[in-house]
């Protein structure tokens, strides 16, 4: 199983020259490509990546007939 190591970081804004903490996490090679000045500011987040086709969320996807919605309706009352 492949692992993905993502780091929280901050980078220097090229317009203002101020350090900005990023709202997302990236791997080190992506940081090197994207930002001229950056530094890691926290512990890495390690994710396990399962091989196979990627299925993105689709709100218009048809619901599988195996899914039973009746038990969920009991909690909604």
PDB file of N, CA and C in Angstrom:
ATOM      1  N   UNK A   1       0.844  -1.169   0.000  1.00  0.00           N
ATOM      2  CA  UNK A   1       0.000   0.000   0.000  1.00  0.00           C
ATOM      3  C   UNK A   1       0.898   1.244   0.000  1.00  0.00           C
ATOM      4  N   UNK A   2       0.573   2.188  -0.831  1.00  0.00           N
ATOM      5  CA  UNK A   2       1.333   3.424  -0.928  1.00  0.00           C
ATOM      6  C   UNK A   2       0.914   4.400   0.157  1.00  0.00           C
ATOM      7  N   UNK A   3       1.856   5.183   0.629  1.00  0.00           N
ATOM      8  CA  UNK A   3       1.517   6.208   1.607  1.00  0.00           C
ATOM      9  C   UNK A   3       1.794   7.583   1.021  1.00  0.00           C
ATOM     10  N   UNK A   4       1.017   8.520   1.460  1.00  0.00           N
ATOM     11  CA  UNK A   4       1.122   9.905   1.026  1.00  0.00           C
ATOM     12  C   UNK A   4       1.471  10.722   2.262  1.00  0.00           C
ATOM     13  N   UNK A   5       2.586  11.462   2.217  1.00  0.00           N
ATOM     14  CA  UNK A   5       3.027  12.254   3.362  1.00  0.00           C
ATOM     15  C   UNK A   5       2.814  13.721   3.016  1.00  0.00           C
ATOM     16  N   UNK A   6       1.866  14.364   3.711  1.00  0.00           N
ATOM     17  CA  UNK A   6       1.508  15.752   3.447  1.00  0.00           C
ATOM     18  C   UNK A   6       1.925  16.623   4.621  1.00  0.00           C
ATOM     19  N   UNK A   7       2.548  17.767   4.320  1.00  0.00           N
ATOM     20  CA  UNK A   7       3.065  18.647   5.359  1.00  0.00           C
ATOM     21  C   UNK A   7       2.307  19.968   5.404  1.00  0.00           C
ATOM     22  N   UNK A   8       1.983  20.459   6.617  1.00  0.00           N
ATOM     23  CA  UNK A   8       1.492  21.832   6.733  1.00  0.00           C
ATOM     24  C   UNK A   8       2.698  22.758   6.546  1.00  0.00           C
ATOM     25  N   UNK A   9       2.493  23.898   5.912  1.00  0.00           N
ATOM     26  CA  UNK A   9       3.627  24.749   5.597  1.00  0.00           C
ATOM     27  C   UNK A   9       3.199  26.202   5.544  1.00  0.00           C
ATOM     28  N   UNK A  10       4.188  27.064   5.445  1.00  0.00           N
ATOM     29  CA  UNK A  10       3.936  28.473   5.184  1.00  0.00           C
ATOM     30  C   UNK A  10       4.873  28.905   4.073  1.00  0.00           C
ATOM     31  N   UNK A  11       4.485  29.947   3.371  1.00  0.00           N
ATOM     32  CA  UNK A  11       5.276  30.426   2.241  1.00  0.00           C
ATOM     33  C   UNK A  11       5.315  31.945   2.277  1.00  0.00           C
ATOM     34  N   UNK A  12       6.282  32.502   1.572  1.00  0.00           N
ATOM     35  CA  UNK A  12       6.407  33.951   1.509  1.00  0.00           C
ATOM     36  C   UNK A  12       5.609  34.464   0.316  1.00  0.00           C
ATOM     37  N   UNK A  13       4.683  35.390   0.595  1.00  0.00           N
ATOM     38  CA  UNK A  13       3.870  35.993  -0.456  1.00  0.00           C
ATOM     39  C   UNK A  13       4.782  36.870  -1.313  1.00  0.00           C
ATOM     40  N   UNK A  14       4.833  36.625  -2.631  1.00  0.00           N
ATOM     41  CA  UNK A  14       5.744  37.403  -3.473  1.00  0.00           C
ATOM     42  C   UNK A  14       5.359  38.882  -3.598  1.00  0.00           C
ATOM     43  N   UNK A  15       4.104  39.227  -3.386  1.00  0.00           N
ATOM     44  CA  UNK A  15       3.688  40.626  -3.500  1.00  0.00           C
ATOM     45  C   UNK A  15       4.003  41.440  -2.246  1.00  0.00           C
ATOM     46  N   UNK A  16       3.683  40.878  -1.085  1.00  0.00           N
ATOM     47  CA  UNK A  16       3.857  41.627   0.155  1.00  0.00           C
ATOM     48  C   UNK A  16       5.152  41.303   0.889  1.00  0.00           C
ATOM     49  N   UNK A  17       5.716  40.128   0.625  1.00  0.00           N
ATOM     50  CA  UNK A  17       6.917  39.708   1.324  1.00  0.00           C
ATOM     51  C   UNK A  17       6.639  39.118   2.697  1.00  0.00           C
ATOM     52  N   UNK A  18       5.366  38.989   3.084  1.00  0.00           N
ATOM     53  CA  UNK A  18       4.999  38.441   4.390  1.00  0.00           C
ATOM     54  C   UNK A  18       4.852  36.920   4.304  1.00  0.00           C
ATOM     55  N   UNK A  19       5.094  36.265   5.440  1.00  0.00           N
ATOM     56  CA  UNK A  19       4.892  34.833   5.514  1.00  0.00           C
ATOM     57  C   UNK A  19       3.401  34.553   5.693  1.00  0.00           C
ATOM     58  N   UNK A  20       2.883  33.577   4.941  1.00  0.00           N
ATOM     59  CA  UNK A  20       1.469  33.211   4.977  1.00  0.00           C
ATOM     60  C   UNK A  20       1.372  31.715   5.251  1.00  0.00           C
ATOM     61  N   UNK A  21       0.569  31.356   6.256  1.00  0.00           N
ATOM     62  CA  UNK A  21       0.348  29.932   6.530  1.00  0.00           C
ATOM     63  C   UNK A  21      -0.669  29.402   5.529  1.00  0.00           C
ATOM     64  N   UNK A  22      -0.316  28.339   4.856  1.00  0.00           N
ATOM     65  CA  UNK A  22      -1.183  27.766   3.824  1.00  0.00           C
ATOM     66  C   UNK A  22      -2.363  27.045   4.461  1.00  0.00           C
ATOM     67  N   UNK A  23      -3.493  27.053   3.756  1.00  0.00           N
ATOM     68  CA  UNK A  23      -4.690  26.365   4.239  1.00  0.00           C
ATOM     69  C   UNK A  23      -4.745  24.920   3.772  1.00  0.00           C
ATOM     70  N   UNK A  24      -3.749  24.479   3.033  1.00  0.00           N
ATOM     71  CA  UNK A  24      -3.722  23.114   2.546  1.00  0.00           C
ATOM     72  C   UNK A  24      -2.364  22.495   2.866  1.00  0.00           C
ATOM     73  N   UNK A  25      -2.213  21.207   2.621  1.00  0.00           N
ATOM     74  CA  UNK A  25      -0.970  20.492   2.883  1.00  0.00           C
ATOM     75  C   UNK A  25      -0.460  19.917   1.570  1.00  0.00           C
ATOM     76  N   UNK A  26       0.866  19.858   1.425  1.00  0.00           N
ATOM     77  CA  UNK A  26       1.474  19.343   0.206  1.00  0.00           C
ATOM     78  C   UNK A  26       2.648  18.437   0.538  1.00  0.00           C
ATOM     79  N   UNK A  27       3.067  17.653  -0.450  1.00  0.00           N
ATOM     80  CA  UNK A  27       4.287  16.882  -0.338  1.00  0.00           C
ATOM     81  C   UNK A  27       5.469  17.802  -0.633  1.00  0.00           C
ATOM     82  N   UNK A  28       6.658  17.418  -0.171  1.00  0.00           N
ATOM     83  CA  UNK A  28       7.848  18.265  -0.331  1.00  0.00           C
ATOM     84  C   UNK A  28       8.179  18.544  -1.801  1.00  0.00           C
ATOM     85  N   UNK A  29       8.133  17.565  -2.722  1.00  0.00           N
ATOM     86  CA  UNK A  29       8.436  17.908  -4.119  1.00  0.00           C
ATOM     87  C   UNK A  29       7.483  18.946  -4.708  1.00  0.00           C
ATOM     88  N   UNK A  30       6.215  18.893  -4.317  1.00  0.00           N
ATOM     89  CA  UNK A  30       5.253  19.883  -4.809  1.00  0.00           C
ATOM     90  C   UNK A  30       5.547  21.256  -4.223  1.00  0.00           C
ATOM     91  N   UNK A  31       5.987  21.298  -2.972  1.00  0.00           N
ATOM     92  CA  UNK A  31       6.375  22.575  -2.350  1.00  0.00           C
ATOM     93  C   UNK A  31       7.552  23.196  -3.092  1.00  0.00           C
ATOM     94  N   UNK A  32       8.532  22.397  -3.420  1.00  0.00           N
ATOM     95  CA  UNK A  32       9.728  22.895  -4.113  1.00  0.00           C
ATOM     96  C   UNK A  32       9.389  23.436  -5.493  1.00  0.00           C
ATOM     97  N   UNK A  33       8.465  22.782  -6.179  1.00  0.00           N
ATOM     98  CA  UNK A  33       8.086  23.244  -7.518  1.00  0.00           C
ATOM     99  C   UNK A  33       7.257  24.518  -7.472  1.00  0.00           C
ATOM    100  N   UNK A  34       6.352  24.636  -6.498  1.00  0.00           N
ATOM    101  CA  UNK A  34       5.370  25.705  -6.492  1.00  0.00           C
ATOM    102  C   UNK A  34       5.844  26.999  -5.832  1.00  0.00           C
ATOM    103  N   UNK A  35       6.632  26.901  -4.774  1.00  0.00           N
ATOM    104  CA  UNK A  35       6.998  28.085  -3.998  1.00  0.00           C
ATOM    105  C   UNK A  35       8.508  28.284  -3.987  1.00  0.00           C
ATOM    106  N   UNK A  36       8.932  29.553  -4.100  1.00  0.00           N
ATOM    107  CA  UNK A  36      10.359  29.873  -4.040  1.00  0.00           C
ATOM    108  C   UNK A  36      10.854  29.803  -2.596  1.00  0.00           C
ATOM    109  N   UNK A  37      10.090  30.352  -1.638  1.00  0.00           N
ATOM    110  CA  UNK A  37      10.446  30.323  -0.223  1.00  0.00           C
ATOM    111  C   UNK A  37       9.313  29.667   0.548  1.00  0.00           C
ATOM    112  N   UNK A  38       9.638  28.628   1.302  1.00  0.00           N
ATOM    113  CA  UNK A  38       8.638  27.915   2.083  1.00  0.00           C
ATOM    114  C   UNK A  38       9.321  27.252   3.265  1.00  0.00           C
ATOM    115  N   UNK A  39       8.533  26.892   4.275  1.00  0.00           N
ATOM    116  CA  UNK A  39       9.048  26.100   5.386  1.00  0.00           C
ATOM    117  C   UNK A  39       7.916  25.289   5.999  1.00  0.00           C
ATOM    118  N   UNK A  40       8.272  24.108   6.479  1.00  0.00           N
ATOM    119  CA  UNK A  40       7.312  23.200   7.111  1.00  0.00           C
ATOM    120  C   UNK A  40       7.072  23.685   8.538  1.00  0.00           C
ATOM    121  N   UNK A  41       5.800  23.731   8.965  1.00  0.00           N
ATOM    122  CA  UNK A  41       5.458  24.291  10.276  1.00  0.00           C
ATOM    123  C   UNK A  41       4.761  23.302  11.207  1.00  0.00           C
ATOM    124  N   UNK A  42       4.723  22.028  10.861  1.00  0.00           N
ATOM    125  CA  UNK A  42       4.035  21.082  11.738  1.00  0.00           C
ATOM    126  C   UNK A  42       4.350  19.650  11.390  1.00  0.00           C
ATOM    127  N   UNK A  43       3.691  18.754  12.089  1.00  0.00           N
ATOM    128  CA  UNK A  43       3.870  17.325  11.878  1.00  0.00           C
ATOM    129  C   UNK A  43       3.214  16.893  10.566  1.00  0.00           C
ATOM    130  N   UNK A  44       3.776  15.914   9.876  1.00  0.00           N
ATOM    131  CA  UNK A  44       3.166  15.456   8.623  1.00  0.00           C
ATOM    132  C   UNK A  44       1.895  14.663   8.865  1.00  0.00           C
ATOM    133  N   UNK A  45       1.015  14.704   7.884  1.00  0.00           N
ATOM    134  CA  UNK A  45      -0.189  13.878   7.884  1.00  0.00           C
ATOM    135  C   UNK A  45       0.082  12.732   6.932  1.00  0.00           C
ATOM    136  N   UNK A  46       0.012  11.510   7.430  1.00  0.00           N
ATOM    137  CA  UNK A  46       0.328  10.337   6.620  1.00  0.00           C
ATOM    138  C   UNK A  46      -0.974   9.654   6.240  1.00  0.00           C
ATOM    139  N   UNK A  47      -1.192   9.508   4.937  1.00  0.00           N
ATOM    140  CA  UNK A  47      -2.409   8.879   4.427  1.00  0.00           C
ATOM    141  C   UNK A  47      -2.049   7.625   3.647  1.00  0.00           C
ATOM    142  N   UNK A  48      -2.849   6.588   3.795  1.00  0.00           N
ATOM    143  CA  UNK A  48      -2.683   5.377   3.002  1.00  0.00           C
ATOM    144  C   UNK A  48      -3.499   5.532   1.727  1.00  0.00           C
ATOM    145  N   UNK A  49      -2.868   5.245   0.599  1.00  0.00           N
ATOM    146  CA  UNK A  49      -3.528   5.384  -0.688  1.00  0.00           C
ATOM    147  C   UNK A  49      -3.812   3.992  -1.229  1.00  0.00           C
ATOM    148  N   UNK A  50      -5.077   3.709  -1.469  1.00  0.00           N
ATOM    149  CA  UNK A  50      -5.447   2.408  -2.004  1.00  0.00           C
ATOM    150  C   UNK A  50      -5.383   2.453  -3.521  1.00  0.00           C
ATOM    151  N   UNK A  51      -4.730   1.483  -4.138  1.00  0.00           N
ATOM    152  CA  UNK A  51      -4.679   1.472  -5.595  1.00  0.00           C
ATOM    153  C   UNK A  51      -6.041   1.136  -6.186  1.00  0.00           C
ATOM    154  N   UNK A  52      -6.264   1.590  -7.384  1.00  0.00           N
ATOM    155  CA  UNK A  52      -7.518   1.304  -8.055  1.00  0.00           C
ATOM    156  C   UNK A  52      -8.096   2.554  -8.677  1.00  0.00           C
ATOM    157  N   UNK A  53      -9.239   2.412  -9.296  1.00  0.00           N
ATOM    158  CA  UNK A  53      -9.847   3.578  -9.950  1.00  0.00           C
ATOM    159  C   UNK A  53     -10.330   4.598  -8.921  1.00  0.00           C
ATOM    160  N   UNK A  54     -10.180   5.834  -9.253  1.00  0.00           N
ATOM    161  CA  UNK A  54     -10.620   6.922  -8.385  1.00  0.00           C
ATOM    162  C   UNK A  54     -12.052   7.270  -8.743  1.00  0.00           C
ATOM    163  N   UNK A  55     -12.923   7.247  -7.750  1.00  0.00           N
ATOM    164  CA  UNK A  55     -14.321   7.601  -7.983  1.00  0.00           C
ATOM    165  C   UNK A  55     -14.611   8.884  -7.202  1.00  0.00           C
ATOM    166  N   UNK A  56     -14.751   9.974  -7.915  1.00  0.00           N
ATOM    167  CA  UNK A  56     -15.039  11.251  -7.284  1.00  0.00           C
ATOM    168  C   UNK A  56     -16.511  11.333  -6.901  1.00  0.00           C
ATOM    169  N   UNK A  57     -16.816  12.216  -5.978  1.00  0.00           N
ATOM    170  CA  UNK A  57     -18.210  12.393  -5.558  1.00  0.00           C
ATOM    171  C   UNK A  57     -19.029  12.968  -6.700  1.00  0.00           C
ATOM    172  N   UNK A  58     -20.173  12.370  -6.951  1.00  0.00           N
ATOM    173  CA  UNK A  58     -21.076  12.826  -7.993  1.00  0.00           C
ATOM    174  C   UNK A  58     -22.478  12.901  -7.400  1.00  0.00           C
ATOM    175  N   UNK A  59     -23.030  14.106  -7.189  1.00  0.00           N
ATOM    176  CA  UNK A  59     -24.349  14.204  -6.578  1.00  0.00           C
ATOM    177  C   UNK A  59     -25.475  13.690  -7.466  1.00  0.00           C
ATOM    178  N   UNK A  60     -25.216  13.498  -8.759  1.00  0.00           N
ATOM    179  CA  UNK A  60     -26.249  13.055  -9.686  1.00  0.00           C
ATOM    180  C   UNK A  60     -26.176  11.555  -9.965  1.00  0.00           C
ATOM    181  N   UNK A  61     -25.289  10.849  -9.270  1.00  0.00           N
ATOM    182  CA  UNK A  61     -25.131   9.419  -9.467  1.00  0.00           C
ATOM    183  C   UNK A  61     -26.380   8.694  -8.979  1.00  0.00           C
ATOM    184  N   UNK A  62     -26.786   7.672  -9.699  1.00  0.00           N
ATOM    185  CA  UNK A  62     -27.953   6.884  -9.317  1.00  0.00           C
ATOM    186  C   UNK A  62     -27.615   6.057  -8.078  1.00  0.00           C
ATOM    187  N   UNK A  63     -28.543   5.974  -7.135  1.00  0.00           N
ATOM    188  CA  UNK A  63     -28.339   5.215  -5.917  1.00  0.00           C
ATOM    189  C   UNK A  63     -28.440   3.732  -6.226  1.00  0.00           C
ATOM    190  N   UNK A  64     -27.534   2.967  -5.652  1.00  0.00           N
ATOM    191  CA  UNK A  64     -27.532   1.528  -5.844  1.00  0.00           C
ATOM    192  C   UNK A  64     -28.807   0.931  -5.250  1.00  0.00           C
ATOM    193  N   UNK A  65     -29.405  -0.063  -5.895  1.00  0.00           N
ATOM    194  CA  UNK A  65     -30.636  -0.659  -5.355  1.00  0.00           C
ATOM    195  C   UNK A  65     -30.396  -1.407  -4.047  1.00  0.00           C
ATOM    196  N   UNK A  66     -29.144  -1.714  -3.704  1.00  0.00           N
ATOM    197  CA  UNK A  66     -28.849  -2.430  -2.463  1.00  0.00           C
ATOM    198  C   UNK A  66     -28.956  -1.519  -1.249  1.00  0.00           C
ATOM    199  N   UNK A  67     -28.912  -0.218  -1.445  1.00  0.00           N
ATOM    200  CA  UNK A  67     -28.947   0.717  -0.328  1.00  0.00           C
ATOM    201  C   UNK A  67     -30.380   0.837   0.199  1.00  0.00           C
ATOM    202  N   UNK A  68     -30.525   0.680   1.492  1.00  0.00           N
ATOM    203  CA  UNK A  68     -31.843   0.783   2.118  1.00  0.00           C
ATOM    204  C   UNK A  68     -31.910   2.103   2.868  1.00  0.00           C
ATOM    205  N   UNK A  69     -32.862   2.955   2.527  1.00  0.00           N
ATOM    206  CA  UNK A  69     -32.979   4.271   3.131  1.00  0.00           C
ATOM    207  C   UNK A  69     -33.929   4.257   4.327  1.00  0.00           C
ATOM    208  N   UNK A  70     -34.757   3.223   4.466  1.00  0.00           N
ATOM    209  CA  UNK A  70     -35.765   3.179   5.516  1.00  0.00           C
ATOM    210  C   UNK A  70     -35.188   3.354   6.928  1.00  0.00           C
ATOM    211  N   UNK A  71     -34.088   2.704   7.320  1.00  0.00           N
ATOM    212  CA  UNK A  71     -33.572   2.917   8.685  1.00  0.00           C
ATOM    213  C   UNK A  71     -33.144   4.350   8.923  1.00  0.00           C
ATOM    214  N   UNK A  72     -32.663   5.036   7.910  1.00  0.00           N
ATOM    215  CA  UNK A  72     -32.266   6.428   8.092  1.00  0.00           C
ATOM    216  C   UNK A  72     -33.489   7.316   8.325  1.00  0.00           C
ATOM    217  N   UNK A  73     -34.618   6.979   7.748  1.00  0.00           N
ATOM    218  CA  UNK A  73     -35.820   7.780   7.915  1.00  0.00           C
ATOM    219  C   UNK A  73     -36.333   7.731   9.346  1.00  0.00           C
ATOM    220  N   UNK A  74     -36.065   6.630  10.049  1.00  0.00           N
ATOM    221  CA  UNK A  74     -36.507   6.513  11.443  1.00  0.00           C
ATOM    222  C   UNK A  74     -35.785   7.537  12.326  1.00  0.00           C
ATOM    223  N   UNK A  75     -34.513   7.815  12.037  1.00  0.00           N
ATOM    224  CA  UNK A  75     -33.747   8.766  12.839  1.00  0.00           C
ATOM    225  C   UNK A  75     -34.094  10.204  12.512  1.00  0.00           C
ATOM    226  N   UNK A  76     -34.691  10.450  11.373  1.00  0.00           N
ATOM    227  CA  UNK A  76     -34.970  11.813  10.934  1.00  0.00           C
ATOM    228  C   UNK A  76     -36.255  12.355  11.570  1.00  0.00           C
ATOM    229  N   UNK A  77     -37.039  11.530  12.183  1.00  0.00           N
ATOM    230  CA  UNK A  77     -38.308  11.966  12.758  1.00  0.00           C
ATOM    231  C   UNK A  77     -38.135  12.709  14.038  1.00  0.00           C
TER     232      UNK A  77
END
